[in-house]
Amino acid sequence: MKIRPVEDHLAVKLSTTENEKTVGGIIIPDTAKEKPQIAEVIAVGNDEDLQKIIKVGDKVLFGKYAGTEIEFEGEKLLILAKSDLLAIVE
């Protein structure tokens, strides 16, 4: 199964990290960490202007509270609108 965003939306793959352990041995769960603001694009909507700018495989920077986080086929994805994008990371 594939995911296909519509209009000016895109799907990005969030990096999943394991629970981190501090020097003192305290485990920091994912819920206590800040979510990453750079992710890899896995699907682009059908908006022509967006397709000219963003391609699958690009890394993008987005706002801290932007998008809708979903789990699709065991992967954490974020659905972003074109207006949520801040920059392309090269």
PDB file of N, CA and C in Angstrom:
ATOM      1  N   MET A   1       0.834  -1.172   0.000  1.00  0.00           N
ATOM      2  CA  MET A   1       0.000   0.000   0.000  1.00  0.00           C
ATOM      3  C   MET A   1       0.887   1.246   0.000  1.00  0.00           C
ATOM      4  N   LYS A   2       0.460   2.292  -0.706  1.00  0.00           N
ATOM      5  CA  LYS A   2       1.214   3.533  -0.772  1.00  0.00           C
ATOM      6  C   LYS A   2       0.371   4.667  -0.213  1.00  0.00           C
ATOM      7  N   ILE A   3       1.041   5.705   0.214  1.00  0.00           N
ATOM      8  CA  ILE A   3       0.342   6.898   0.668  1.00  0.00           C
ATOM      9  C   ILE A   3       0.577   7.993  -0.366  1.00  0.00           C
ATOM     10  N   ARG A   4      -0.503   8.676  -0.746  1.00  0.00           N
ATOM     11  CA  ARG A   4      -0.428   9.739  -1.741  1.00  0.00           C
ATOM     12  C   ARG A   4      -1.099  10.987  -1.190  1.00  0.00           C
ATOM     13  N   PRO A   5      -0.324  11.974  -0.763  1.00  0.00           N
ATOM     14  CA  PRO A   5      -0.927  13.202  -0.258  1.00  0.00           C
ATOM     15  C   PRO A   5      -1.669  13.926  -1.389  1.00  0.00           C
ATOM     16  N   VAL A   6      -2.652  14.722  -1.025  1.00  0.00           N
ATOM     17  CA  VAL A   6      -3.427  15.467  -2.015  1.00  0.00           C
ATOM     18  C   VAL A   6      -3.075  16.949  -1.971  1.00  0.00           C
ATOM     19  N   GLU A   7      -3.372  17.615  -3.095  1.00  0.00           N
ATOM     20  CA  GLU A   7      -3.172  19.055  -3.242  1.00  0.00           C
ATOM     21  C   GLU A   7      -1.752  19.480  -2.848  1.00  0.00           C
ATOM     22  N   ASP A   8      -1.636  20.452  -1.943  1.00  0.00           N
ATOM     23  CA  ASP A   8      -0.324  21.015  -1.591  1.00  0.00           C
ATOM     24  C   ASP A   8       0.263  20.389  -0.326  1.00  0.00           C
ATOM     25  N   HIS A   9       0.002  19.105  -0.119  1.00  0.00           N
ATOM     26  CA  HIS A   9       0.536  18.405   1.047  1.00  0.00           C
ATOM     27  C   HIS A   9       1.646  17.439   0.648  1.00  0.00           C
ATOM     28  N   LEU A  10       2.476  17.089   1.609  1.00  0.00           N
ATOM     29  CA  LEU A  10       3.507  16.094   1.372  1.00  0.00           C
ATOM     30  C   LEU A  10       3.674  15.246   2.613  1.00  0.00           C
ATOM     31  N   ALA A  11       4.177  14.037   2.416  1.00  0.00           N
ATOM     32  CA  ALA A  11       4.430  13.114   3.518  1.00  0.00           C
ATOM     33  C   ALA A  11       5.935  13.017   3.719  1.00  0.00           C
ATOM     34  N   VAL A  12       6.354  13.138   4.967  1.00  0.00           N
ATOM     35  CA  VAL A  12       7.770  13.031   5.296  1.00  0.00           C
ATOM     36  C   VAL A  12       7.946  11.941   6.339  1.00  0.00           C
ATOM     37  N   LYS A  13       9.110  11.311   6.306  1.00  0.00           N
ATOM     38  CA  LYS A  13       9.429  10.222   7.232  1.00  0.00           C
ATOM     39  C   LYS A  13      10.239  10.790   8.386  1.00  0.00           C
ATOM     40  N   LEU A  14       9.705  10.628   9.584  1.00  0.00           N
ATOM     41  CA  LEU A  14      10.416  11.072  10.774  1.00  0.00           C
ATOM     42  C   LEU A  14      11.445  10.032  11.168  1.00  0.00           C
ATOM     43  N   SER A  15      12.566  10.479  11.671  1.00  0.00           N
ATOM     44  CA  SER A  15      13.575   9.533  12.129  1.00  0.00           C
ATOM     45  C   SER A  15      13.125   8.976  13.462  1.00  0.00           C
ATOM     46  N   THR A  16      13.190   7.671  13.588  1.00  0.00           N
ATOM     47  CA  THR A  16      12.811   7.036  14.848  1.00  0.00           C
ATOM     48  C   THR A  16      14.072   6.697  15.611  1.00  0.00           C
ATOM     49  N   THR A  17      14.110   7.158  16.828  1.00  0.00           N
ATOM     50  CA  THR A  17      15.282   6.886  17.670  1.00  0.00           C
ATOM     51  C   THR A  17      14.841   6.084  18.881  1.00  0.00           C
ATOM     52  N   GLU A  18      15.719   5.275  19.356  1.00  0.00           N
ATOM     53  CA  GLU A  18      15.447   4.479  20.549  1.00  0.00           C
ATOM     54  C   GLU A  18      15.509   5.392  21.774  1.00  0.00           C
ATOM     55  N   ASN A  19      15.045   4.890  22.892  1.00  0.00           N
ATOM     56  CA  ASN A  19      15.153   5.644  24.133  1.00  0.00           C
ATOM     57  C   ASN A  19      16.625   5.912  24.420  1.00  0.00           C
ATOM     58  N   GLU A  20      16.918   7.165  24.746  1.00  0.00           N
ATOM     59  CA  GLU A  20      18.301   7.528  25.057  1.00  0.00           C
ATOM     60  C   GLU A  20      18.541   7.366  26.552  1.00  0.00           C
ATOM     61  N   LYS A  21      19.798   7.143  26.891  1.00  0.00           N
ATOM     62  CA  LYS A  21      20.176   7.006  28.291  1.00  0.00           C
ATOM     63  C   LYS A  21      21.181   8.112  28.597  1.00  0.00           C
ATOM     64  N   THR A  22      20.969   8.836  29.695  1.00  0.00           N
ATOM     65  CA  THR A  22      21.895   9.891  30.082  1.00  0.00           C
ATOM     66  C   THR A  22      23.136   9.274  30.719  1.00  0.00           C
ATOM     67  N   VAL A  23      24.116  10.128  30.990  1.00  0.00           N
ATOM     68  CA  VAL A  23      25.356   9.664  31.614  1.00  0.00           C
ATOM     69  C   VAL A  23      25.064   9.035  32.967  1.00  0.00           C
ATOM     70  N   GLY A  24      24.074   9.570  33.679  1.00  0.00           N
ATOM     71  CA  GLY A  24      23.719   9.036  34.997  1.00  0.00           C
ATOM     72  C   GLY A  24      22.863   7.778  34.936  1.00  0.00           C
ATOM     73  N   GLY A  25      22.496   7.337  33.722  1.00  0.00           N
ATOM     74  CA  GLY A  25      21.727   6.117  33.573  1.00  0.00           C
ATOM     75  C   GLY A  25      20.225   6.321  33.487  1.00  0.00           C
ATOM     76  N   ILE A  26      19.780   7.580  33.438  1.00  0.00           N
ATOM     77  CA  ILE A  26      18.348   7.864  33.344  1.00  0.00           C
ATOM     78  C   ILE A  26      17.919   7.704  31.882  1.00  0.00           C
ATOM     79  N   ILE A  27      16.846   6.946  31.655  1.00  0.00           N
ATOM     80  CA  ILE A  27      16.336   6.730  30.303  1.00  0.00           C
ATOM     81  C   ILE A  27      15.348   7.831  29.960  1.00  0.00           C
ATOM     82  N   ILE A  28      15.558   8.476  28.806  1.00  0.00           N
ATOM     83  CA  ILE A  28      14.671   9.531  28.338  1.00  0.00           C
ATOM     84  C   ILE A  28      13.754   8.939  27.273  1.00  0.00           C
ATOM     85  N   PRO A  29      12.448   8.832  27.542  1.00  0.00           N
ATOM     86  CA  PRO A  29      11.531   8.253  26.558  1.00  0.00           C
ATOM     87  C   PRO A  29      11.276   9.213  25.396  1.00  0.00           C
ATOM     88  N   ASP A  30      10.772   8.673  24.273  1.00  0.00           N
ATOM     89  CA  ASP A  30      10.480   9.486  23.098  1.00  0.00           C
ATOM     90  C   ASP A  30       9.504  10.614  23.396  1.00  0.00           C
ATOM     91  N   THR A  31       8.573  10.382  24.303  1.00  0.00           N
ATOM     92  CA  THR A  31       7.567  11.398  24.610  1.00  0.00           C
ATOM     93  C   THR A  31       8.160  12.627  25.275  1.00  0.00           C
ATOM     94  N   ALA A  32       9.325  12.499  25.892  1.00  0.00           N
ATOM     95  CA  ALA A  32       9.960  13.627  26.566  1.00  0.00           C
ATOM     96  C   ALA A  32      10.934  14.372  25.668  1.00  0.00           C
ATOM     97  N   LYS A  33      11.218  13.827  24.499  1.00  0.00           N
ATOM     98  CA  LYS A  33      12.155  14.463  23.578  1.00  0.00           C
ATOM     99  C   LYS A  33      11.411  15.395  22.636  1.00  0.00           C
ATOM    100  N   GLU A  34      12.140  16.363  22.113  1.00  0.00           N
ATOM    101  CA  GLU A  34      11.556  17.216  21.082  1.00  0.00           C
ATOM    102  C   GLU A  34      11.536  16.431  19.779  1.00  0.00           C
ATOM    103  N   LYS A  35      10.466  16.601  19.003  1.00  0.00           N
ATOM    104  CA  LYS A  35      10.410  15.887  17.735  1.00  0.00           C
ATOM    105  C   LYS A  35      11.364  16.553  16.743  1.00  0.00           C
ATOM    106  N   PRO A  36      11.931  15.787  15.840  1.00  0.00           N
ATOM    107  CA  PRO A  36      12.864  16.359  14.872  1.00  0.00           C
ATOM    108  C   PRO A  36      12.154  17.339  13.952  1.00  0.00           C
ATOM    109  N   GLN A  37      12.887  18.333  13.477  1.00  0.00           N
ATOM    110  CA  GLN A  37      12.310  19.316  12.572  1.00  0.00           C
ATOM    111  C   GLN A  37      12.844  19.168  11.156  1.00  0.00           C
ATOM    112  N   ILE A  38      13.661  18.147  10.922  1.00  0.00           N
ATOM    113  CA  ILE A  38      14.153  17.838   9.580  1.00  0.00           C
ATOM    114  C   ILE A  38      13.744  16.407   9.274  1.00  0.00           C
ATOM    115  N   ALA A  39      13.164  16.200   8.093  1.00  0.00           N
ATOM    116  CA  ALA A  39      12.709  14.864   7.718  1.00  0.00           C
ATOM    117  C   ALA A  39      12.866  14.665   6.217  1.00  0.00           C
ATOM    118  N   GLU A  40      12.800  13.401   5.790  1.00  0.00           N
ATOM    119  CA  GLU A  40      12.947  13.047   4.375  1.00  0.00           C
ATOM    120  C   GLU A  40      11.575  12.934   3.723  1.00  0.00           C
ATOM    121  N   VAL A  41      11.435  13.541   2.558  1.00  0.00           N
ATOM    122  CA  VAL A  41      10.173  13.516   1.817  1.00  0.00           C
ATOM    123  C   VAL A  41       9.992  12.141   1.180  1.00  0.00           C
ATOM    124  N   ILE A  42       8.828  11.516   1.405  1.00  0.00           N
ATOM    125  CA  ILE A  42       8.561  10.208   0.802  1.00  0.00           C
ATOM    126  C   ILE A  42       7.435  10.269  -0.226  1.00  0.00           C
ATOM    127  N   ALA A  43       6.625  11.344  -0.195  1.00  0.00           N
ATOM    128  CA  ALA A  43       5.548  11.500  -1.181  1.00  0.00           C
ATOM    129  C   ALA A  43       5.167  12.969  -1.271  1.00  0.00           C
ATOM    130  N   VAL A  44       4.861  13.413  -2.495  1.00  0.00           N
ATOM    131  CA  VAL A  44       4.496  14.802  -2.752  1.00  0.00           C
ATOM    132  C   VAL A  44       3.103  14.830  -3.366  1.00  0.00           C
ATOM    133  N   GLY A  45       2.279  15.792  -2.940  1.00  0.00           N
ATOM    134  CA  GLY A  45       0.925  15.946  -3.474  1.00  0.00           C
ATOM    135  C   GLY A  45       0.923  16.351  -4.934  1.00  0.00           C
ATOM    136  N   ASN A  46      -0.266  16.566  -5.485  1.00  0.00           N
ATOM    137  CA  ASN A  46      -0.394  16.835  -6.917  1.00  0.00           C
ATOM    138  C   ASN A  46      -0.378  18.321  -7.276  1.00  0.00           C
ATOM    139  N   ASP A  47       0.000  19.187  -6.362  1.00  0.00           N
ATOM    140  CA  ASP A  47       0.127  20.614  -6.640  1.00  0.00           C
ATOM    141  C   ASP A  47       1.361  20.845  -7.518  1.00  0.00           C
ATOM    142  N   GLU A  48       1.169  21.467  -8.686  1.00  0.00           N
ATOM    143  CA  GLU A  48       2.282  21.630  -9.644  1.00  0.00           C
ATOM    144  C   GLU A  48       3.402  22.489  -9.088  1.00  0.00           C
ATOM    145  N   ASP A  49       3.061  23.568  -8.380  1.00  0.00           N
ATOM    146  CA  ASP A  49       4.099  24.436  -7.810  1.00  0.00           C
ATOM    147  C   ASP A  49       4.941  23.689  -6.782  1.00  0.00           C
ATOM    148  N   LEU A  50       4.294  22.873  -5.971  1.00  0.00           N
ATOM    149  CA  LEU A  50       5.016  22.091  -4.960  1.00  0.00           C
ATOM    150  C   LEU A  50       5.923  21.056  -5.616  1.00  0.00           C
ATOM    151  N   GLN A  51       5.444  20.402  -6.676  1.00  0.00           N
ATOM    152  CA  GLN A  51       6.243  19.387  -7.363  1.00  0.00           C
ATOM    153  C   GLN A  51       7.468  19.977  -8.045  1.00  0.00           C
ATOM    154  N   LYS A  52       7.422  21.257  -8.416  1.00  0.00           N
ATOM    155  CA  LYS A  52       8.591  21.915  -9.014  1.00  0.00           C
ATOM    156  C   LYS A  52       9.679  22.161  -7.969  1.00  0.00           C
ATOM    157  N   ILE A  53       9.265  22.353  -6.722  1.00  0.00           N
ATOM    158  CA  ILE A  53      10.201  22.709  -5.651  1.00  0.00           C
ATOM    159  C   ILE A  53      10.714  21.490  -4.900  1.00  0.00           C
ATOM    160  N   ILE A  54       9.816  20.571  -4.545  1.00  0.00           N
ATOM    161  CA  ILE A  54      10.136  19.433  -3.672  1.00  0.00           C
ATOM    162  C   ILE A  54      10.046  18.131  -4.446  1.00  0.00           C
ATOM    163  N   LYS A  55      11.017  17.256  -4.232  1.00  0.00           N
ATOM    164  CA  LYS A  55      11.026  15.932  -4.854  1.00  0.00           C
ATOM    165  C   LYS A  55      11.188  14.869  -3.775  1.00  0.00           C
ATOM    166  N   VAL A  56      10.751  13.667  -4.073  1.00  0.00           N
ATOM    167  CA  VAL A  56      10.921  12.550  -3.143  1.00  0.00           C
ATOM    168  C   VAL A  56      12.412  12.354  -2.885  1.00  0.00           C
ATOM    169  N   GLY A  57      12.773  12.202  -1.633  1.00  0.00           N
ATOM    170  CA  GLY A  57      14.179  12.035  -1.253  1.00  0.00           C
ATOM    171  C   GLY A  57      14.798  13.306  -0.694  1.00  0.00           C
ATOM    172  N   ASP A  58      14.183  14.469  -0.954  1.00  0.00           N
ATOM    173  CA  ASP A  58      14.686  15.724  -0.394  1.00  0.00           C
ATOM    174  C   ASP A  58      14.528  15.717   1.117  1.00  0.00           C
ATOM    175  N   LYS A  59      15.392  16.464   1.790  1.00  0.00           N
ATOM    176  CA  LYS A  59      15.243  16.670   3.233  1.00  0.00           C
ATOM    177  C   LYS A  59      14.717  18.088   3.417  1.00  0.00           C
ATOM    178  N   VAL A  60      13.693  18.221   4.267  1.00  0.00           N
ATOM    179  CA  VAL A  60      13.064  19.522   4.474  1.00  0.00           C
ATOM    180  C   VAL A  60      13.050  19.891   5.950  1.00  0.00           C
ATOM    181  N   LEU A  61      13.065  21.184   6.198  1.00  0.00           N
ATOM    182  CA  LEU A  61      12.960  21.745   7.535  1.00  0.00           C
ATOM    183  C   LEU A  61      11.547  22.296   7.664  1.00  0.00           C
ATOM    184  N   PHE A  62      10.891  22.003   8.777  1.00  0.00           N
ATOM    185  CA  PHE A  62       9.513  22.454   8.964  1.00  0.00           C
ATOM    186  C   PHE A  62       9.342  22.997  10.373  1.00  0.00           C
ATOM    187  N   GLY A  63       8.237  23.689  10.603  1.00  0.00           N
ATOM    188  CA  GLY A  63       7.951  24.292  11.898  1.00  0.00           C
ATOM    189  C   GLY A  63       7.832  23.265  13.010  1.00  0.00           C
ATOM    190  N   LYS A  64       8.105  23.704  14.225  1.00  0.00           N
ATOM    191  CA  LYS A  64       8.141  22.816  15.387  1.00  0.00           C
ATOM    192  C   LYS A  64       6.813  22.101  15.634  1.00  0.00           C
ATOM    193  N   TYR A  65       5.702  22.782  15.462  1.00  0.00           N
ATOM    194  CA  TYR A  65       4.395  22.183  15.734  1.00  0.00           C
ATOM    195  C   TYR A  65       3.594  21.961  14.456  1.00  0.00           C
ATOM    196  N   ALA A  66       4.273  21.832  13.339  1.00  0.00           N
ATOM    197  CA  ALA A  66       3.627  21.710  12.039  1.00  0.00           C
ATOM    198  C   ALA A  66       3.185  20.280  11.757  1.00  0.00           C
ATOM    199  N   GLY A  67       2.162  20.169  10.932  1.00  0.00           N
ATOM    200  CA  GLY A  67       1.762  18.877  10.393  1.00  0.00           C
ATOM    201  C   GLY A  67       0.957  17.990  11.324  1.00  0.00           C
ATOM    202  N   THR A  68       0.589  16.841  10.771  1.00  0.00           N
ATOM    203  CA  THR A  68      -0.163  15.829  11.486  1.00  0.00           C
ATOM    204  C   THR A  68       0.647  14.549  11.489  1.00  0.00           C
ATOM    205  N   GLU A  69       0.978  14.060  12.670  1.00  0.00           N
ATOM    206  CA  GLU A  69       1.780  12.842  12.794  1.00  0.00           C
ATOM    207  C   GLU A  69       0.876  11.623  12.701  1.00  0.00           C
ATOM    208  N   ILE A  70       1.266  10.668  11.843  1.00  0.00           N
ATOM    209  CA  ILE A  70       0.509   9.424  11.687  1.00  0.00           C
ATOM    210  C   ILE A  70       1.473   8.244  11.713  1.00  0.00           C
ATOM    211  N   GLU A  71       0.939   7.056  11.911  1.00  0.00           N
ATOM    212  CA  GLU A  71       1.733   5.839  11.767  1.00  0.00           C
ATOM    213  C   GLU A  71       1.145   5.073  10.598  1.00  0.00           C
ATOM    214  N   PHE A  72       1.982   4.782   9.597  1.00  0.00           N
ATOM    215  CA  PHE A  72       1.539   4.117   8.379  1.00  0.00           C
ATOM    216  C   PHE A  72       2.477   2.960   8.092  1.00  0.00           C
ATOM    217  N   GLU A  73       1.942   1.761   8.109  1.00  0.00           N
ATOM    218  CA  GLU A  73       2.719   0.537   7.879  1.00  0.00           C
ATOM    219  C   GLU A  73       3.943   0.459   8.792  1.00  0.00           C
ATOM    220  N   GLY A  74       3.750   0.815  10.054  1.00  0.00           N
ATOM    221  CA  GLY A  74       4.810   0.695  11.046  1.00  0.00           C
ATOM    222  C   GLY A  74       5.826   1.823  11.054  1.00  0.00           C
ATOM    223  N   GLU A  75       5.640   2.839  10.216  1.00  0.00           N
ATOM    224  CA  GLU A  75       6.572   3.963  10.173  1.00  0.00           C
ATOM    225  C   GLU A  75       5.873   5.227  10.646  1.00  0.00           C
ATOM    226  N   LYS A  76       6.623   6.072  11.341  1.00  0.00           N
ATOM    227  CA  LYS A  76       6.078   7.358  11.770  1.00  0.00           C
ATOM    228  C   LYS A  76       6.235   8.352  10.621  1.00  0.00           C
ATOM    229  N   LEU A  77       5.108   8.886  10.176  1.00  0.00           N
ATOM    230  CA  LEU A  77       5.095   9.867   9.097  1.00  0.00           C
ATOM    231  C   LEU A  77       4.470  11.156   9.587  1.00  0.00           C
ATOM    232  N   LEU A  78       4.775  12.224   8.878  1.00  0.00           N
ATOM    233  CA  LEU A  78       4.185  13.510   9.165  1.00  0.00           C
ATOM    234  C   LEU A  78       3.615  14.036   7.856  1.00  0.00           C
ATOM    235  N   ILE A  79       2.359  14.450   7.877  1.00  0.00           N
ATOM    236  CA  ILE A  79       1.739  15.041   6.698  1.00  0.00           C
ATOM    237  C   ILE A  79       1.829  16.554   6.877  1.00  0.00           C
ATOM    238  N   LEU A  80       2.528  17.210   5.960  1.00  0.00           N
ATOM    239  CA  LEU A  80       2.756  18.649   6.035  1.00  0.00           C
ATOM    240  C   LEU A  80       2.071  19.366   4.888  1.00  0.00           C
ATOM    241  N   ALA A  81       1.654  20.586   5.132  1.00  0.00           N
ATOM    242  CA  ALA A  81       1.149  21.452   4.072  1.00  0.00           C
ATOM    243  C   ALA A  81       2.334  22.250   3.526  1.00  0.00           C
ATOM    244  N   LYS A  82       2.187  22.751   2.323  1.00  0.00           N
ATOM    245  CA  LYS A  82       3.235  23.558   1.685  1.00  0.00           C
ATOM    246  C   LYS A  82       3.613  24.741   2.578  1.00  0.00           C
ATOM    247  N   SER A  83       2.639  25.326   3.246  1.00  0.00           N
ATOM    248  CA  SER A  83       2.890  26.489   4.104  1.00  0.00           C
ATOM    249  C   SER A  83       3.687  26.140   5.365  1.00  0.00           C
ATOM    250  N   ASP A  84       3.758  24.843   5.729  1.00  0.00           N
ATOM    251  CA  ASP A  84       4.517  24.414   6.904  1.00  0.00           C
ATOM    252  C   ASP A  84       6.020  24.331   6.636  1.00  0.00           C
ATOM    253  N   LEU A  85       6.404  24.287   5.362  1.00  0.00           N
ATOM    254  CA  LEU A  85       7.812  24.119   5.004  1.00  0.00           C
ATOM    255  C   LEU A  85       8.574  25.420   5.207  1.00  0.00           C
ATOM    256  N   LEU A  86       9.771  25.302   5.773  1.00  0.00           N
ATOM    257  CA  LEU A  86      10.614  26.457   5.995  1.00  0.00           C
ATOM    258  C   LEU A  86      11.807  26.482   5.045  1.00  0.00           C
ATOM    259  N   ALA A  87      12.383  25.298   4.737  1.00  0.00           N
ATOM    260  CA  ALA A  87      13.574  25.249   3.895  1.00  0.00           C
ATOM    261  C   ALA A  87      13.817  23.837   3.403  1.00  0.00           C
ATOM    262  N   ILE A  88      14.618  23.745   2.341  1.00  0.00           N
ATOM    263  CA  ILE A  88      15.118  22.464   1.849  1.00  0.00           C
ATOM    264  C   ILE A  88      16.548  22.346   2.343  1.00  0.00           C
ATOM    265  N   VAL A  89      16.875  21.248   2.969  1.00  0.00           N
ATOM    266  CA  VAL A  89      18.205  21.031   3.530  1.00  0.00           C
ATOM    267  C   VAL A  89      19.051  20.302   2.493  1.00  0.00           C
ATOM    268  N   GLU A  90      20.180  20.888   2.122  1.00  0.00           N
ATOM    269  CA  GLU A  90      21.047  20.274   1.105  1.00  0.00           C
ATOM    270  C   GLU A  90      22.330  19.788   1.720  1.00  0.00           C
TER     271      GLU A  90
END
